[in-house]
PDB file of N, CA and C in Angstrom:
ATOM      1  N   MET A   1      10.462  -1.221  34.706  1.00  0.00           N
ATOM      2  CA  MET A   1       9.246  -0.649  34.163  1.00  0.00           C
ATOM      3  C   MET A   1       9.285  -0.817  32.654  1.00  0.00           C
ATOM      4  N   ARG A   2       8.146  -1.015  32.052  1.00  0.00           N
ATOM      5  CA  ARG A   2       8.071  -1.123  30.601  1.00  0.00           C
ATOM      6  C   ARG A   2       6.720  -0.645  30.112  1.00  0.00           C
ATOM      7  N   ASP A   3       6.682  -0.269  28.835  1.00  0.00           N
ATOM      8  CA  ASP A   3       5.431   0.133  28.198  1.00  0.00           C
ATOM      9  C   ASP A   3       4.914  -1.041  27.387  1.00  0.00           C
ATOM     10  N   THR A   4       3.608  -1.155  27.306  1.00  0.00           N
ATOM     11  CA  THR A   4       2.986  -2.214  26.518  1.00  0.00           C
ATOM     12  C   THR A   4       1.935  -1.604  25.612  1.00  0.00           C
ATOM     13  N   VAL A   5       1.972  -1.976  24.344  1.00  0.00           N
ATOM     14  CA  VAL A   5       0.963  -1.551  23.391  1.00  0.00           C
ATOM     15  C   VAL A   5       0.424  -2.811  22.731  1.00  0.00           C
ATOM     16  N   ASN A   6      -0.873  -2.977  22.700  1.00  0.00           N
ATOM     17  CA  ASN A   6      -1.488  -4.155  22.103  1.00  0.00           C
ATOM     18  C   ASN A   6      -2.199  -3.777  20.814  1.00  0.00           C
ATOM     19  N   GLN A   7      -2.146  -4.669  19.841  1.00  0.00           N
ATOM     20  CA  GLN A   7      -2.795  -4.452  18.550  1.00  0.00           C
ATOM     21  C   GLN A   7      -3.447  -5.763  18.137  1.00  0.00           C
ATOM     22  N   ALA A   8      -4.653  -5.709  17.626  1.00  0.00           N
ATOM     23  CA  ALA A   8      -5.350  -6.917  17.177  1.00  0.00           C
ATOM     24  C   ALA A   8      -5.835  -6.721  15.748  1.00  0.00           C
ATOM     25  N   PHE A   9      -5.859  -7.801  14.968  1.00  0.00           N
ATOM     26  CA  PHE A   9      -6.300  -7.777  13.585  1.00  0.00           C
ATOM     27  C   PHE A   9      -7.377  -8.831  13.403  1.00  0.00           C
ATOM     28  N   VAL A  10      -8.353  -8.543  12.578  1.00  0.00           N
ATOM     29  CA  VAL A  10      -9.389  -9.524  12.267  1.00  0.00           C
ATOM     30  C   VAL A  10      -9.631  -9.516  10.766  1.00  0.00           C
ATOM     31  N   ASN A  11      -9.610 -10.686  10.159  1.00  0.00           N
ATOM     32  CA  ASN A  11      -9.934 -10.849   8.752  1.00  0.00           C
ATOM     33  C   ASN A  11     -11.164 -11.746   8.726  1.00  0.00           C
ATOM     34  N   ASP A  12     -12.352 -11.150   8.653  1.00  0.00           N
ATOM     35  CA  ASP A  12     -13.593 -11.917   8.746  1.00  0.00           C
ATOM     36  C   ASP A  12     -13.746 -12.942   7.622  1.00  0.00           C
ATOM     37  N   TYR A  13     -13.274 -12.612   6.423  1.00  0.00           N
ATOM     38  CA  TYR A  13     -13.433 -13.536   5.300  1.00  0.00           C
ATOM     39  C   TYR A  13     -12.680 -14.845   5.547  1.00  0.00           C
ATOM     40  N   GLN A  14     -11.443 -14.728   5.990  1.00  0.00           N
ATOM     41  CA  GLN A  14     -10.624 -15.915   6.237  1.00  0.00           C
ATOM     42  C   GLN A  14     -10.742 -16.414   7.675  1.00  0.00           C
ATOM     43  N   GLU A  15     -11.452 -15.660   8.510  1.00  0.00           N
ATOM     44  CA  GLU A  15     -11.614 -15.998   9.918  1.00  0.00           C
ATOM     45  C   GLU A  15     -10.272 -16.159  10.627  1.00  0.00           C
ATOM     46  N   VAL A  16      -9.420 -15.142  10.476  1.00  0.00           N
ATOM     47  CA  VAL A  16      -8.113 -15.145  11.109  1.00  0.00           C
ATOM     48  C   VAL A  16      -8.070 -14.035  12.143  1.00  0.00           C
ATOM     49  N   ASP A  17      -7.647 -14.370  13.353  1.00  0.00           N
ATOM     50  CA  ASP A  17      -7.441 -13.384  14.412  1.00  0.00           C
ATOM     51  C   ASP A  17      -5.966 -13.411  14.795  1.00  0.00           C
ATOM     52  N   ILE A  18      -5.341 -12.245  14.828  1.00  0.00           N
ATOM     53  CA  ILE A  18      -3.942 -12.136  15.226  1.00  0.00           C
ATOM     54  C   ILE A  18      -3.857 -11.069  16.300  1.00  0.00           C
ATOM     55  N   THR A  19      -3.201 -11.381  17.388  1.00  0.00           N
ATOM     56  CA  THR A  19      -3.003 -10.419  18.463  1.00  0.00           C
ATOM     57  C   THR A  19      -1.508 -10.278  18.716  1.00  0.00           C
ATOM     58  N   LEU A  20      -1.023  -9.034  18.773  1.00  0.00           N
ATOM     59  CA  LEU A  20       0.389  -8.752  18.998  1.00  0.00           C
ATOM     60  C   LEU A  20       0.537  -7.834  20.196  1.00  0.00           C
ATOM     61  N   SER A  21       1.642  -7.963  20.899  1.00  0.00           N
ATOM     62  CA  SER A  21       1.936  -7.072  22.024  1.00  0.00           C
ATOM     63  C   SER A  21       3.358  -6.553  21.889  1.00  0.00           C
ATOM     64  N   LYS A  22       3.557  -5.276  22.184  1.00  0.00           N
ATOM     65  CA  LYS A  22       4.888  -4.680  22.208  1.00  0.00           C
ATOM     66  C   LYS A  22       5.317  -4.564  23.666  1.00  0.00           C
ATOM     67  N   PHE A  23       6.511  -5.003  23.974  1.00  0.00           N
ATOM     68  CA  PHE A  23       7.078  -4.831  25.302  1.00  0.00           C
ATOM     69  C   PHE A  23       8.422  -4.143  25.137  1.00  0.00           C
ATOM     70  N   MET A  24       8.576  -2.985  25.743  1.00  0.00           N
ATOM     71  CA  MET A  24       9.832  -2.253  25.666  1.00  0.00           C
ATOM     72  C   MET A  24      10.411  -2.131  27.068  1.00  0.00           C
ATOM     73  N   GLU A  25      11.608  -2.644  27.246  1.00  0.00           N
ATOM     74  CA  GLU A  25      12.281  -2.564  28.537  1.00  0.00           C
ATOM     75  C   GLU A  25      12.928  -1.187  28.691  1.00  0.00           C
ATOM     76  N   TYR A  26      13.077  -0.777  29.931  1.00  0.00           N
ATOM     77  CA  TYR A  26      13.796   0.449  30.245  1.00  0.00           C
ATOM     78  C   TYR A  26      15.214   0.092  30.659  1.00  0.00           C
ATOM     79  N   ASP A  27      16.180   0.844  30.177  1.00  0.00           N
ATOM     80  CA  ASP A  27      17.572   0.648  30.550  1.00  0.00           C
ATOM     81  C   ASP A  27      18.193   2.026  30.711  1.00  0.00           C
ATOM     82  N   GLU A  28      18.369   2.447  31.957  1.00  0.00           N
ATOM     83  CA  GLU A  28      18.905   3.786  32.217  1.00  0.00           C
ATOM     84  C   GLU A  28      20.334   3.932  31.712  1.00  0.00           C
ATOM     85  N   LEU A  29      21.140   2.870  31.829  1.00  0.00           N
ATOM     86  CA  LEU A  29      22.533   2.930  31.403  1.00  0.00           C
ATOM     87  C   LEU A  29      22.647   3.293  29.924  1.00  0.00           C
ATOM     88  N   PHE A  30      21.805   2.690  29.093  1.00  0.00           N
ATOM     89  CA  PHE A  30      21.859   2.939  27.657  1.00  0.00           C
ATOM     90  C   PHE A  30      20.795   3.927  27.188  1.00  0.00           C
ATOM     91  N   GLY A  31      20.005   4.465  28.104  1.00  0.00           N
ATOM     92  CA  GLY A  31      18.996   5.453  27.749  1.00  0.00           C
ATOM     93  C   GLY A  31      17.862   4.896  26.913  1.00  0.00           C
ATOM     94  N   LEU A  32      17.543   3.628  27.112  1.00  0.00           N
ATOM     95  CA  LEU A  32      16.467   3.004  26.345  1.00  0.00           C
ATOM     96  C   LEU A  32      15.153   3.071  27.100  1.00  0.00           C
ATOM     97  N   GLY A  33      14.084   3.379  26.401  1.00  0.00           N
ATOM     98  CA  GLY A  33      12.758   3.401  26.998  1.00  0.00           C
ATOM     99  C   GLY A  33      12.369   4.738  27.587  1.00  0.00           C
ATOM    100  N   GLU A  34      13.245   5.705  27.512  1.00  0.00           N
ATOM    101  CA  GLU A  34      12.964   7.011  28.100  1.00  0.00           C
ATOM    102  C   GLU A  34      12.365   7.986  27.089  1.00  0.00           C
ATOM    103  N   ASN A  35      12.372   7.628  25.823  1.00  0.00           N
ATOM    104  CA  ASN A  35      11.934   8.543  24.765  1.00  0.00           C
ATOM    105  C   ASN A  35      10.771   7.989  23.954  1.00  0.00           C
ATOM    106  N   GLU A  36       9.942   7.168  24.565  1.00  0.00           N
ATOM    107  CA  GLU A  36       8.765   6.580  23.909  1.00  0.00           C
ATOM    108  C   GLU A  36       9.133   5.829  22.627  1.00  0.00           C
ATOM    109  N   GLU A  37      10.253   5.094  22.666  1.00  0.00           N
ATOM    110  CA  GLU A  37      10.683   4.330  21.498  1.00  0.00           C
ATOM    111  C   GLU A  37       9.629   3.335  21.043  1.00  0.00           C
ATOM    112  N   TYR A  38       8.816   2.844  21.963  1.00  0.00           N
ATOM    113  CA  TYR A  38       7.784   1.858  21.624  1.00  0.00           C
ATOM    114  C   TYR A  38       6.858   2.366  20.519  1.00  0.00           C
ATOM    115  N   ARG A  39       6.718   3.677  20.402  1.00  0.00           N
ATOM    116  CA  ARG A  39       5.836   4.250  19.383  1.00  0.00           C
ATOM    117  C   ARG A  39       6.357   4.007  17.966  1.00  0.00           C
ATOM    118  N   PHE A  40       7.646   3.689  17.837  1.00  0.00           N
ATOM    119  CA  PHE A  40       8.263   3.547  16.522  1.00  0.00           C
ATOM    120  C   PHE A  40       8.510   2.091  16.135  1.00  0.00           C
ATOM    121  N   VAL A  41       8.132   1.159  17.002  1.00  0.00           N
ATOM    122  CA  VAL A  41       8.271  -0.262  16.679  1.00  0.00           C
ATOM    123  C   VAL A  41       7.170  -0.643  15.702  1.00  0.00           C
ATOM    124  N   ARG A  42       7.521  -1.400  14.664  1.00  0.00           N
ATOM    125  CA  ARG A  42       6.550  -1.818  13.653  1.00  0.00           C
ATOM    126  C   ARG A  42       6.513  -3.336  13.608  1.00  0.00           C
ATOM    127  N   PHE A  43       5.337  -3.876  13.339  1.00  0.00           N
ATOM    128  CA  PHE A  43       5.152  -5.310  13.167  1.00  0.00           C
ATOM    129  C   PHE A  43       4.937  -5.598  11.690  1.00  0.00           C
ATOM    130  N   GLY A  44       5.501  -6.694  11.231  1.00  0.00           N
ATOM    131  CA  GLY A  44       5.262  -7.139   9.866  1.00  0.00           C
ATOM    132  C   GLY A  44       4.672  -8.539   9.874  1.00  0.00           C
ATOM    133  N   LEU A  45       3.704  -8.772   9.005  1.00  0.00           N
ATOM    134  CA  LEU A  45       3.119 -10.096   8.824  1.00  0.00           C
ATOM    135  C   LEU A  45       3.647 -10.632   7.495  1.00  0.00           C
ATOM    136  N   PHE A  46       4.315 -11.797   7.543  1.00  0.00           N
ATOM    137  CA  PHE A  46       4.971 -12.352   6.367  1.00  0.00           C
ATOM    138  C   PHE A  46       4.373 -13.704   6.004  1.00  0.00           C
ATOM    139  N   ALA A  47       4.387 -14.015   4.712  1.00  0.00           N
ATOM    140  CA  ALA A  47       3.854 -15.286   4.219  1.00  0.00           C
ATOM    141  C   ALA A  47       4.846 -16.411   4.506  1.00  0.00           C
ATOM    142  N   ASP A  48       4.350 -17.511   5.044  1.00  0.00           N
ATOM    143  CA  ASP A  48       5.187 -18.681   5.313  1.00  0.00           C
ATOM    144  C   ASP A  48       5.424 -19.488   4.035  1.00  0.00           C
ATOM    145  N   GLU A  49       4.540 -19.311   3.084  1.00  0.00           N
ATOM    146  CA  GLU A  49       4.637 -20.010   1.800  1.00  0.00           C
ATOM    147  C   GLU A  49       4.045 -19.105   0.726  1.00  0.00           C
ATOM    148  N   VAL A  50       4.224 -19.462  -0.520  1.00  0.00           N
ATOM    149  CA  VAL A  50       3.663 -18.682  -1.628  1.00  0.00           C
ATOM    150  C   VAL A  50       2.140 -18.664  -1.494  1.00  0.00           C
ATOM    151  N   ILE A  51       1.542 -17.470  -1.619  1.00  0.00           N
ATOM    152  CA  ILE A  51       0.087 -17.318  -1.547  1.00  0.00           C
ATOM    153  C   ILE A  51      -0.387 -16.759  -2.884  1.00  0.00           C
ATOM    154  N   THR A  52      -1.315 -17.464  -3.522  1.00  0.00           N
ATOM    155  CA  THR A  52      -1.878 -17.015  -4.796  1.00  0.00           C
ATOM    156  C   THR A  52      -3.327 -16.607  -4.573  1.00  0.00           C
ATOM    157  N   ALA A  53      -3.648 -15.357  -4.913  1.00  0.00           N
ATOM    158  CA  ALA A  53      -5.007 -14.832  -4.758  1.00  0.00           C
ATOM    159  C   ALA A  53      -5.884 -15.282  -5.920  1.00  0.00           C
ATOM    160  N   ALA A  54      -7.183 -15.095  -5.765  1.00  0.00           N
ATOM    161  CA  ALA A  54      -8.146 -15.480  -6.801  1.00  0.00           C
ATOM    162  C   ALA A  54      -7.873 -14.756  -8.120  1.00  0.00           C
ATOM    163  N   ASP A  55      -7.328 -13.526  -8.045  1.00  0.00           N
ATOM    164  CA  ASP A  55      -7.054 -12.769  -9.274  1.00  0.00           C
ATOM    165  C   ASP A  55      -5.715 -13.141  -9.913  1.00  0.00           C
ATOM    166  N   GLY A  56      -5.009 -14.118  -9.323  1.00  0.00           N
ATOM    167  CA  GLY A  56      -3.736 -14.567  -9.874  1.00  0.00           C
ATOM    168  C   GLY A  56      -2.520 -13.858  -9.312  1.00  0.00           C
ATOM    169  N   SER A  57      -2.718 -12.791  -8.536  1.00  0.00           N
ATOM    170  CA  SER A  57      -1.572 -12.112  -7.935  1.00  0.00           C
ATOM    171  C   SER A  57      -0.944 -13.027  -6.882  1.00  0.00           C
ATOM    172  N   VAL A  58       0.365 -12.862  -6.688  1.00  0.00           N
ATOM    173  CA  VAL A  58       1.109 -13.770  -5.816  1.00  0.00           C
ATOM    174  C   VAL A  58       1.871 -12.987  -4.759  1.00  0.00           C
ATOM    175  N   ILE A  59       1.845 -13.493  -3.541  1.00  0.00           N
ATOM    176  CA  ILE A  59       2.727 -13.022  -2.478  1.00  0.00           C
ATOM    177  C   ILE A  59       3.763 -14.127  -2.317  1.00  0.00           C
ATOM    178  N   PRO A  60       5.046 -13.818  -2.522  1.00  0.00           N
ATOM    179  CA  PRO A  60       6.064 -14.864  -2.457  1.00  0.00           C
ATOM    180  C   PRO A  60       6.305 -15.349  -1.023  1.00  0.00           C
ATOM    181  N   GLU A  61       6.910 -16.515  -0.899  1.00  0.00           N
ATOM    182  CA  GLU A  61       7.304 -17.008   0.417  1.00  0.00           C
ATOM    183  C   GLU A  61       8.170 -15.947   1.092  1.00  0.00           C
ATOM    184  N   ASN A  62       7.914 -15.672   2.350  1.00  0.00           N
ATOM    185  CA  ASN A  62       8.593 -14.644   3.148  1.00  0.00           C
ATOM    186  C   ASN A  62       8.260 -13.228   2.696  1.00  0.00           C
ATOM    187  N   GLY A  63       7.306 -13.062   1.789  1.00  0.00           N
ATOM    188  CA  GLY A  63       6.881 -11.739   1.346  1.00  0.00           C
ATOM    189  C   GLY A  63       6.024 -11.069   2.411  1.00  0.00           C
ATOM    190  N   MET A  64       6.128  -9.742   2.507  1.00  0.00           N
ATOM    191  CA  MET A  64       5.355  -9.002   3.505  1.00  0.00           C
ATOM    192  C   MET A  64       3.899  -8.893   3.067  1.00  0.00           C
ATOM    193  N   ILE A  65       3.005  -9.248   3.978  1.00  0.00           N
ATOM    194  CA  ILE A  65       1.569  -9.157   3.726  1.00  0.00           C
ATOM    195  C   ILE A  65       1.033  -7.837   4.257  1.00  0.00           C
ATOM    196  N   ALA A  66       1.458  -7.455   5.452  1.00  0.00           N
ATOM    197  CA  ALA A  66       0.970  -6.219   6.074  1.00  0.00           C
ATOM    198  C   ALA A  66       1.982  -5.728   7.093  1.00  0.00           C
ATOM    199  N   GLU A  67       1.911  -4.426   7.393  1.00  0.00           N
ATOM    200  CA  GLU A  67       2.778  -3.800   8.384  1.00  0.00           C
ATOM    201  C   GLU A  67       1.932  -2.850   9.221  1.00  0.00           C
ATOM    202  N   VAL A  68       2.094  -2.903  10.532  1.00  0.00           N
ATOM    203  CA  VAL A  68       1.353  -2.017  11.430  1.00  0.00           C
ATOM    204  C   VAL A  68       2.273  -1.519  12.531  1.00  0.00           C
ATOM    205  N   SER A  69       1.859  -0.437  13.170  1.00  0.00           N
ATOM    206  CA  SER A  69       2.636   0.060  14.308  1.00  0.00           C
ATOM    207  C   SER A  69       1.856  -0.117  15.576  1.00  0.00           C
TER     208      SER A  69
END
């Protein structure tokens, strides 16, 4: 048995759609999945390359763009 939580993002200006899914396995031996751990998993969106905005600000390569739960 496992819990699944889905999250979707839309950036209309750049026309980017990102869909993420969380899958948490249950393991009775190690007590995993019995305490709603899936609620504490976070996703991070990172830049694959340097991104320079119109205002000159920069997100470095591998820099975090956004984080969601």
